Protein backbone atom coordinates (compact mmCIF):
# COMPACT_ATOMS: atom_id res chain seq x y z
CA MET A 1 137.76 4.55 15.37
CA GLN A 2 135.49 4.33 12.35
CA GLU A 3 132.52 2.00 12.52
CA ASN A 4 132.88 0.97 8.90
CA GLY A 5 136.53 -0.04 9.24
CA SER A 6 138.33 -0.24 5.92
CA SER A 7 135.41 -1.53 3.85
CA GLY A 8 134.29 1.93 2.77
CA SER A 9 130.60 1.02 3.23
CA PRO A 10 128.36 3.49 5.07
CA THR A 11 127.97 3.09 8.81
CA LYS A 12 124.56 2.57 10.38
CA ALA A 13 124.62 6.19 11.53
CA GLU A 14 125.45 7.38 8.02
CA ARG A 15 122.64 5.31 6.52
CA THR A 16 120.20 6.67 9.08
CA ARG A 17 121.29 10.24 8.39
CA ALA A 18 120.91 9.69 4.64
CA ARG A 19 117.38 8.31 5.15
CA ILE A 20 116.48 11.27 7.33
CA LEU A 21 117.72 13.69 4.69
CA ASP A 22 115.77 11.89 1.96
CA ILE A 23 112.57 12.32 3.97
CA ALA A 24 113.49 15.90 4.89
CA GLN A 25 113.99 16.86 1.26
CA ARG A 26 110.53 15.60 0.34
CA GLU A 27 108.98 17.42 3.30
CA ALA A 28 110.88 20.59 2.42
CA SER A 29 109.29 20.49 -1.02
CA LEU A 30 105.86 20.51 0.60
CA ILE A 31 106.26 22.80 3.62
CA GLY A 32 109.50 24.65 2.97
CA ILE A 33 112.95 24.34 4.51
CA ASP A 34 112.12 27.10 6.99
CA SER A 35 109.27 24.99 8.41
CA LEU A 36 111.39 21.90 9.02
CA THR A 37 111.80 21.15 12.72
CA LEU A 38 113.57 18.41 14.61
CA GLY A 39 110.36 17.31 16.30
CA GLY A 40 108.25 17.23 13.16
CA LEU A 41 110.88 15.45 11.11
CA ALA A 42 111.51 12.94 13.88
CA GLN A 43 107.84 11.98 13.76
CA SER A 44 107.96 11.58 9.97
CA CYS A 45 111.05 9.39 10.25
CA GLY A 46 109.73 7.27 13.11
CA LEU A 47 112.49 8.43 15.41
CA SER A 48 112.57 10.15 18.76
CA LYS A 49 113.41 13.84 18.77
CA SER A 50 116.55 13.07 20.79
CA GLY A 51 117.53 10.42 18.26
CA LEU A 52 117.22 12.85 15.38
CA ASN A 53 118.91 15.58 17.41
CA ALA A 54 121.96 13.32 17.72
CA HIS A 55 122.43 13.58 13.95
CA PHE A 56 122.01 17.35 13.57
CA GLY A 57 122.00 19.07 16.96
CA SER A 58 119.82 22.03 16.05
CA LYS A 59 117.12 23.17 13.67
CA GLU A 60 119.64 25.41 11.93
CA ALA A 61 122.09 22.54 11.39
CA LEU A 62 119.25 20.39 10.04
CA GLN A 63 118.18 23.08 7.59
CA ILE A 64 121.74 23.59 6.36
CA ALA A 65 122.17 19.83 5.93
CA VAL A 66 118.96 19.69 3.91
CA ILE A 67 120.09 22.57 1.70
CA ASP A 68 123.37 20.76 1.05
CA ALA A 69 121.54 17.50 0.33
CA VAL A 70 119.22 19.24 -2.13
CA ALA A 71 122.24 20.86 -3.78
CA GLY A 72 123.88 17.45 -4.16
CA ARG A 73 120.86 16.05 -5.94
CA PHE A 74 120.56 19.20 -8.03
CA ARG A 75 124.12 18.71 -9.17
CA SER A 76 123.52 15.12 -10.26
CA GLU A 77 120.04 15.65 -11.76
CA VAL A 78 120.40 19.08 -13.36
CA ALA A 79 123.92 20.47 -13.63
CA GLU A 80 125.84 17.36 -14.65
CA PRO A 81 123.37 16.12 -17.31
CA ALA A 82 123.05 19.60 -18.82
CA LEU A 83 126.78 20.28 -18.87
CA ALA A 84 127.37 16.95 -20.62
CA TYR A 85 126.06 18.56 -23.82
CA GLN A 86 128.46 20.28 -26.18
CA ALA A 87 128.90 23.99 -25.51
CA GLY A 88 126.41 26.09 -27.42
CA LYS A 89 122.66 26.26 -27.89
CA LYS A 90 122.14 22.58 -27.04
CA ARG A 91 123.76 23.02 -23.64
CA LEU A 92 121.81 26.21 -22.99
CA GLU A 93 118.57 24.44 -23.85
CA ALA A 94 119.51 21.50 -21.62
CA ILE A 95 120.16 23.86 -18.71
CA MET A 96 116.53 24.99 -18.74
CA ALA A 97 115.03 21.62 -19.68
CA CYS A 98 116.79 19.80 -16.83
CA TRP A 99 116.01 22.61 -14.40
CA ILE A 100 112.29 22.56 -15.19
CA ALA A 101 112.21 18.75 -15.04
CA TRP A 102 113.78 18.97 -11.59
CA SER A 103 110.92 21.16 -10.32
CA GLN A 104 108.34 18.69 -11.66
CA HIS A 105 109.89 15.45 -10.39
CA ALA A 106 107.71 13.15 -8.28
CA ASP A 107 110.28 13.31 -5.47
CA ARG A 108 109.39 17.00 -5.14
CA PRO A 109 105.57 17.03 -4.88
CA GLY A 110 105.56 20.67 -3.83
CA GLY A 111 108.14 21.73 -6.38
CA CYS A 112 111.69 23.03 -6.04
CA GLN A 113 112.84 23.39 -2.44
CA PHE A 114 115.09 26.31 -3.33
CA ILE A 115 112.21 28.43 -4.65
CA ALA A 116 110.30 28.58 -1.37
CA ALA A 117 113.55 28.91 0.57
CA THR A 118 114.54 31.92 -1.52
CA PHE A 119 111.43 33.80 -0.40
CA ASP A 120 111.66 32.53 3.18
CA PHE A 121 115.29 33.51 3.74
CA ASP A 122 116.18 36.29 1.28
CA GLY A 123 115.48 39.09 3.75
CA LEU A 124 117.05 37.36 6.74
CA ASP A 125 120.55 37.05 8.14
CA GLY A 126 122.17 33.87 9.33
CA ARG A 127 123.93 30.69 8.33
CA VAL A 128 120.94 29.12 6.60
CA ARG A 129 120.46 32.13 4.37
CA ASP A 130 124.21 32.24 3.67
CA ARG A 131 124.23 28.58 2.65
CA LEU A 132 121.30 29.08 0.32
CA GLU A 133 123.00 32.12 -1.22
CA HIS A 134 126.18 30.06 -1.67
CA TRP A 135 124.47 27.40 -3.77
CA MET A 136 122.30 29.79 -5.75
CA THR A 137 125.33 31.91 -6.58
CA ILE A 138 127.14 28.83 -7.83
CA TRP A 139 124.21 27.88 -10.06
CA ARG A 140 123.87 31.39 -11.46
CA GLY A 141 127.59 31.30 -12.18
CA VAL A 142 127.15 28.03 -14.05
CA ILE A 143 124.49 29.62 -16.26
CA ILE A 144 126.64 32.68 -16.90
CA ARG A 145 129.62 30.53 -17.89
CA THR A 146 127.40 28.40 -20.11
CA VAL A 147 126.26 31.53 -21.95
CA GLU A 148 129.85 32.74 -22.29
CA GLU A 149 130.94 29.37 -23.66
CA ALA A 150 128.02 29.35 -26.10
CA ASN A 151 128.97 32.84 -27.28
CA THR A 152 132.50 31.62 -27.97
CA ALA A 153 131.45 28.34 -29.59
CA GLN A 154 128.69 29.70 -31.82
CA ALA A 155 129.20 33.48 -31.86
CA LEU A 156 125.80 34.06 -30.26
CA GLY A 157 126.54 37.40 -28.65
CA HIS A 158 124.13 37.04 -25.71
CA ASP A 159 124.76 39.10 -22.59
CA PRO A 160 125.64 36.51 -19.92
CA GLU A 161 124.26 38.42 -16.93
CA ASN A 162 120.99 39.35 -18.65
CA THR A 163 120.50 35.84 -19.97
CA ALA A 164 121.06 34.34 -16.53
CA SER A 165 118.48 36.73 -15.07
CA LEU A 166 116.03 35.70 -17.79
CA ALA A 167 116.65 32.04 -16.97
CA PHE A 168 115.82 32.60 -13.31
CA GLY A 169 112.76 34.64 -14.23
CA LEU A 170 111.36 32.00 -16.56
CA TYR A 171 112.07 29.22 -14.08
CA MET A 172 110.42 30.97 -11.15
CA ALA A 173 107.42 32.03 -13.25
CA GLN A 174 106.72 28.52 -14.51
CA HIS A 175 107.12 27.18 -10.98
CA MET A 176 104.54 29.58 -9.58
CA GLU A 177 102.12 29.02 -12.46
CA ARG A 178 102.32 25.25 -12.07
CA GLN A 179 102.31 24.99 -8.28
CA LEU A 180 99.94 27.83 -7.40
CA LEU A 181 97.74 28.17 -10.49
CA GLY A 182 97.70 24.50 -11.46
CA ASP A 183 98.93 25.15 -15.01
CA ASP A 184 100.69 22.00 -16.16
CA THR A 185 101.72 23.67 -19.44
CA ALA A 186 103.78 26.36 -17.72
CA GLY A 187 107.04 24.43 -17.94
CA ASP A 188 106.65 23.81 -21.66
CA ARG A 189 105.90 27.47 -22.28
CA ALA A 190 108.93 28.57 -20.28
CA LEU A 191 111.16 26.17 -22.19
CA GLY A 192 109.71 27.43 -25.47
CA GLN A 193 110.44 31.03 -24.53
CA TRP A 194 113.96 30.06 -23.51
CA ARG A 195 114.55 28.33 -26.86
CA GLU A 196 113.32 31.42 -28.70
CA ARG A 197 115.63 33.59 -26.63
CA ILE A 198 118.79 31.57 -27.19
CA ALA A 199 118.01 31.09 -30.88
CA GLY A 200 117.13 34.71 -31.53
CA GLN A 201 119.03 37.95 -31.74
CA PRO A 202 121.10 38.87 -28.68
CA GLN A 203 119.75 41.55 -26.37
CA LYS A 204 121.86 44.66 -26.14
């Protein structure tokens, strides 16, 4: 039996879980997904550890749920707005502009949750690492397809794989420079370099 009947509105449990994940995403921006624990998050949410455990069951399940929640927001705040642009240079520019804006949003005071998670989990095995790889592979594929579509639409001739690698490099560099070095101009510089790259001659 479903608590929400046929109304389609979220149940109390679903609303509580959503609130927990909202708080968890903000905390993950500050301390990293790897540092999230049931006990620590329960305290932040004003819940008992057993109450929070009822929603997730384990630290691993919590971390995977947070990764999926971050990916959902990333889709709505970065991928969908960028892909709404017409294929070509404008869409390529929007990919980077939306991505950088995501890392600077007030909801993410410590920056992009996926950046820290990449370094925390890249050398490990397990379901959390696999889930992170899943979403990052999807996003890299989106960038590659966007480059391919731009090549077709405007005869740009950019190498899709190389351009995707450049995108990740610029994004991660500006993130480090802003978060670690306190350089608030890093995002603008990265976007400027990206614009020069997509407007210039293709790399062979």
